[in-house]
Amino acid sequence: MATPPPPPPPAFVYRISTGDEWAELQRTGGTLGGDLDRSTGCFHLSDLAQVKMTLKNYFHGQNDLYLLQIDTAKIADGLIYEAADGCNYFPHLYGPDRSFAPLRLSAVVKADKIELASNDFTCSLLDGAAI
């Protein structure tokens, strides 16, 4: 019996970006991300429903963050979903042939400043997100 093909990726995935990374993207048109991305050879992304959990687990108390909405059609050749634990699969961007290519500004549809208020992260992209 053949294994069914994986479902198609959603239209968008999301990158929690520091202010410095977002400024670099705008200034140069690309970024290789932060230390974690460089050391693992991929960009760590989230589906919209995973963003708040990721913010709470890895960005607690941080300010100067942006949520980047990324068009999956523009990164499809390098987007892979991988298990983070037994039940959560997160999107990772490796680049073509797992070459760890820069994330390009041209793949970013929208960037939204994340506000931290009353110990909760908010931005317009998260409004109404199923979380």
C-alpha atoms as a PDB file:
ATOM      1  CA  MET A   1       0.000   0.000   0.000  1.00  0.00           C
ATOM      2  CA  ALA A   2       1.482   3.356  -1.032  1.00  0.00           C
ATOM      3  CA  THR A   3       2.015   6.121   1.478  1.00  0.00           C
ATOM      4  CA  PRO A   4      -0.266   9.064   0.738  1.00  0.00           C
ATOM      5  CA  PRO A   5       1.544  12.246  -0.312  1.00  0.00           C
ATOM      6  CA  PRO A   6       1.966  14.928   2.345  1.00  0.00           C
ATOM      7  CA  PRO A   7      -0.637  17.679   2.327  1.00  0.00           C
ATOM      8  CA  PRO A   8       0.309  20.854   0.478  1.00  0.00           C
ATOM      9  CA  PRO A   9       1.845  23.575   2.637  1.00  0.00           C
ATOM     10  CA  PRO A  10      -0.348  26.452   3.755  1.00  0.00           C
ATOM     11  CA  ALA A  11      -0.240  29.658   1.706  1.00  0.00           C
ATOM     12  CA  PHE A  12       1.879  31.337   4.385  1.00  0.00           C
ATOM     13  CA  VAL A  13       4.357  30.479   7.109  1.00  0.00           C
ATOM     14  CA  TYR A  14       5.659  32.905   9.715  1.00  0.00           C
ATOM     15  CA  ARG A  15       9.060  34.027  10.929  1.00  0.00           C
ATOM     16  CA  ILE A  16       9.540  35.681  14.308  1.00  0.00           C
ATOM     17  CA  SER A  17      12.268  38.152  13.501  1.00  0.00           C
ATOM     18  CA  THR A  18      14.332  40.508  15.628  1.00  0.00           C
ATOM     19  CA  GLY A  19      14.362  44.182  14.753  1.00  0.00           C
ATOM     20  CA  ASP A  20      17.978  43.837  13.608  1.00  0.00           C
ATOM     21  CA  GLU A  21      17.153  40.911  11.323  1.00  0.00           C
ATOM     22  CA  TRP A  22      14.160  42.758   9.814  1.00  0.00           C
ATOM     23  CA  ALA A  23      16.330  45.856   9.242  1.00  0.00           C
ATOM     24  CA  GLU A  24      18.985  43.687   7.540  1.00  0.00           C
ATOM     25  CA  LEU A  25      16.354  42.117   5.279  1.00  0.00           C
ATOM     26  CA  GLN A  26      15.078  45.539   4.230  1.00  0.00           C
ATOM     27  CA  ARG A  27      18.580  46.964   3.768  1.00  0.00           C
ATOM     28  CA  THR A  28      20.227  44.072   1.872  1.00  0.00           C
ATOM     29  CA  GLY A  29      17.289  42.035   0.502  1.00  0.00           C
ATOM     30  CA  GLY A  30      18.279  38.866   2.420  1.00  0.00           C
ATOM     31  CA  THR A  31      19.374  37.423   5.743  1.00  0.00           C
ATOM     32  CA  LEU A  32      20.945  34.249   7.085  1.00  0.00           C
ATOM     33  CA  GLY A  33      19.016  34.682  10.336  1.00  0.00           C
ATOM     34  CA  GLY A  34      20.371  34.349  13.825  1.00  0.00           C
ATOM     35  CA  ASP A  35      22.815  32.043  15.579  1.00  0.00           C
ATOM     36  CA  LEU A  36      20.304  29.163  15.851  1.00  0.00           C
ATOM     37  CA  ASP A  37      19.489  29.322  12.135  1.00  0.00           C
ATOM     38  CA  ARG A  38      23.141  29.412  11.117  1.00  0.00           C
ATOM     39  CA  SER A  39      24.124  26.574  13.465  1.00  0.00           C
ATOM     40  CA  THR A  40      21.302  24.286  12.287  1.00  0.00           C
ATOM     41  CA  GLY A  41      21.462  25.266   8.621  1.00  0.00           C
ATOM     42  CA  CYS A  42      17.804  26.233   8.363  1.00  0.00           C
ATOM     43  CA  PHE A  43      15.361  28.988   9.228  1.00  0.00           C
ATOM     44  CA  HIS A  44      12.952  28.161  12.028  1.00  0.00           C
ATOM     45  CA  LEU A  45       9.406  29.090  11.050  1.00  0.00           C
ATOM     46  CA  SER A  46       5.893  28.567  12.388  1.00  0.00           C
ATOM     47  CA  ASP A  47       2.386  28.105  11.118  1.00  0.00           C
ATOM     48  CA  LEU A  48       0.089  30.893  12.293  1.00  0.00           C
ATOM     49  CA  ALA A  49      -1.439  28.710  15.031  1.00  0.00           C
ATOM     50  CA  GLN A  50       2.089  28.022  16.400  1.00  0.00           C
ATOM     51  CA  VAL A  51       3.316  31.623  16.595  1.00  0.00           C
ATOM     52  CA  LYS A  52       2.072  32.526  20.092  1.00  0.00           C
ATOM     53  CA  MET A  53       3.399  29.264  21.556  1.00  0.00           C
ATOM     54  CA  THR A  54       6.776  29.912  19.919  1.00  0.00           C
ATOM     55  CA  LEU A  55       6.813  33.481  21.223  1.00  0.00           C
ATOM     56  CA  LYS A  56       6.023  32.355  24.774  1.00  0.00           C
ATOM     57  CA  ASN A  57       8.563  29.491  24.714  1.00  0.00           C
ATOM     58  CA  TYR A  58      11.516  31.197  23.020  1.00  0.00           C
ATOM     59  CA  PHE A  59      11.022  34.969  23.108  1.00  0.00           C
ATOM     60  CA  HIS A  60       9.647  35.537  26.628  1.00  0.00           C
ATOM     61  CA  GLY A  61      10.107  39.139  27.696  1.00  0.00           C
ATOM     62  CA  GLN A  62      11.742  40.260  24.445  1.00  0.00           C
ATOM     63  CA  ASN A  63      10.804  43.444  22.671  1.00  0.00           C
ATOM     64  CA  ASP A  64      11.695  44.673  19.186  1.00  0.00           C
ATOM     65  CA  LEU A  65      10.232  41.641  17.432  1.00  0.00           C
ATOM     66  CA  TYR A  66       8.471  41.433  14.085  1.00  0.00           C
ATOM     67  CA  LEU A  67       6.230  38.769  12.629  1.00  0.00           C
ATOM     68  CA  LEU A  68       7.023  38.150   8.975  1.00  0.00           C
ATOM     69  CA  GLN A  69       4.370  36.555   6.783  1.00  0.00           C
ATOM     70  CA  ILE A  70       6.165  34.459   4.142  1.00  0.00           C
ATOM     71  CA  ASP A  71       4.641  33.261   0.880  1.00  0.00           C
ATOM     72  CA  THR A  72       5.262  29.503   0.758  1.00  0.00           C
ATOM     73  CA  ALA A  73       5.068  29.499  -3.063  1.00  0.00           C
ATOM     74  CA  LYS A  74       8.266  31.579  -3.086  1.00  0.00           C
ATOM     75  CA  ILE A  75      10.172  29.190  -0.787  1.00  0.00           C
ATOM     76  CA  ALA A  76       8.528  25.866  -1.684  1.00  0.00           C
ATOM     77  CA  ASP A  77      11.730  24.228  -2.930  1.00  0.00           C
ATOM     78  CA  GLY A  78      13.314  24.547   0.512  1.00  0.00           C
ATOM     79  CA  LEU A  79      10.365  24.255   2.927  1.00  0.00           C
ATOM     80  CA  ILE A  80      10.254  21.079   5.006  1.00  0.00           C
ATOM     81  CA  TYR A  81       7.997  20.233   7.956  1.00  0.00           C
ATOM     82  CA  GLU A  82       9.841  18.434  10.737  1.00  0.00           C
ATOM     83  CA  ALA A  83       8.761  16.993  14.066  1.00  0.00           C
ATOM     84  CA  ALA A  84       9.683  19.102  17.062  1.00  0.00           C
ATOM     85  CA  ASP A  85       8.218  16.515  19.424  1.00  0.00           C
ATOM     86  CA  GLY A  86       5.676  13.718  19.215  1.00  0.00           C
ATOM     87  CA  CYS A  87       2.796  15.854  17.972  1.00  0.00           C
ATOM     88  CA  ASN A  88       4.090  19.204  16.672  1.00  0.00           C
ATOM     89  CA  TYR A  89       5.521  19.662  13.203  1.00  0.00           C
ATOM     90  CA  PHE A  90       7.172  22.966  12.399  1.00  0.00           C
ATOM     91  CA  PRO A  91       8.134  24.400   9.021  1.00  0.00           C
ATOM     92  CA  HIS A  92      11.850  24.883   8.376  1.00  0.00           C
ATOM     93  CA  LEU A  93      13.405  26.637   5.406  1.00  0.00           C
ATOM     94  CA  TYR A  94      16.565  24.962   4.190  1.00  0.00           C
ATOM     95  CA  GLY A  95      16.863  26.480   0.742  1.00  0.00           C
ATOM     96  CA  PRO A  96      17.169  24.638  -2.567  1.00  0.00           C
ATOM     97  CA  ASP A  97      18.778  21.211  -2.122  1.00  0.00           C
ATOM     98  CA  ARG A  98      19.246  21.990   1.600  1.00  0.00           C
ATOM     99  CA  SER A  99      21.833  24.600   0.677  1.00  0.00           C
ATOM    100  CA  PHE A 100      20.879  27.040   3.482  1.00  0.00           C
ATOM    101  CA  ALA A 101      20.241  29.969   1.193  1.00  0.00           C
ATOM    102  CA  PRO A 102      19.323  33.377   2.618  1.00  0.00           C
ATOM    103  CA  LEU A 103      15.722  34.229   3.355  1.00  0.00           C
ATOM    104  CA  ARG A 104      14.859  36.833   0.709  1.00  0.00           C
ATOM    105  CA  LEU A 105      12.824  39.969   1.271  1.00  0.00           C
ATOM    106  CA  SER A 106      10.883  39.103  -1.894  1.00  0.00           C
ATOM    107  CA  ALA A 107       9.309  36.124  -0.055  1.00  0.00           C
ATOM    108  CA  VAL A 108       7.979  38.357   2.753  1.00  0.00           C
ATOM    109  CA  VAL A 109       4.392  39.427   2.087  1.00  0.00           C
ATOM    110  CA  LYS A 110       3.910  41.458   5.262  1.00  0.00           C
ATOM    111  CA  ALA A 111       5.848  42.418   8.372  1.00  0.00           C
ATOM    112  CA  ASP A 112       4.103  43.405  11.571  1.00  0.00           C
ATOM    113  CA  LYS A 113       5.623  44.794  14.780  1.00  0.00           C
ATOM    114  CA  ILE A 114       4.872  42.496  17.715  1.00  0.00           C
ATOM    115  CA  GLU A 115       3.778  44.320  20.841  1.00  0.00           C
ATOM    116  CA  LEU A 116       4.261  42.919  24.333  1.00  0.00           C
ATOM    117  CA  ALA A 117       1.477  44.078  26.644  1.00  0.00           C
ATOM    118  CA  SER A 118       0.339  42.501  29.911  1.00  0.00           C
ATOM    119  CA  ASN A 119       2.736  39.597  29.311  1.00  0.00           C
ATOM    120  CA  ASP A 120       1.008  38.755  26.008  1.00  0.00           C
ATOM    121  CA  PHE A 121       2.259  39.147  22.445  1.00  0.00           C
ATOM    122  CA  THR A 122      -0.045  40.820  19.935  1.00  0.00           C
ATOM    123  CA  CYS A 123       0.039  42.110  16.368  1.00  0.00           C
ATOM    124  CA  SER A 124      -2.451  42.467  13.533  1.00  0.00           C
ATOM    125  CA  LEU A 125      -1.339  39.191  11.900  1.00  0.00           C
ATOM    126  CA  LEU A 126      -2.198  37.354  15.127  1.00  0.00           C
ATOM    127  CA  ASP A 127      -5.623  38.946  15.557  1.00  0.00           C
ATOM    128  CA  GLY A 128      -8.146  36.183  15.182  1.00  0.00           C
ATOM    129  CA  ALA A 129      -5.526  33.446  14.853  1.00  0.00           C
ATOM    130  CA  ALA A 130      -6.745  30.076  16.076  1.00  0.00           C
ATOM    131  CA  ILE A 131      -4.465  29.606  19.061  1.00  0.00           C
END
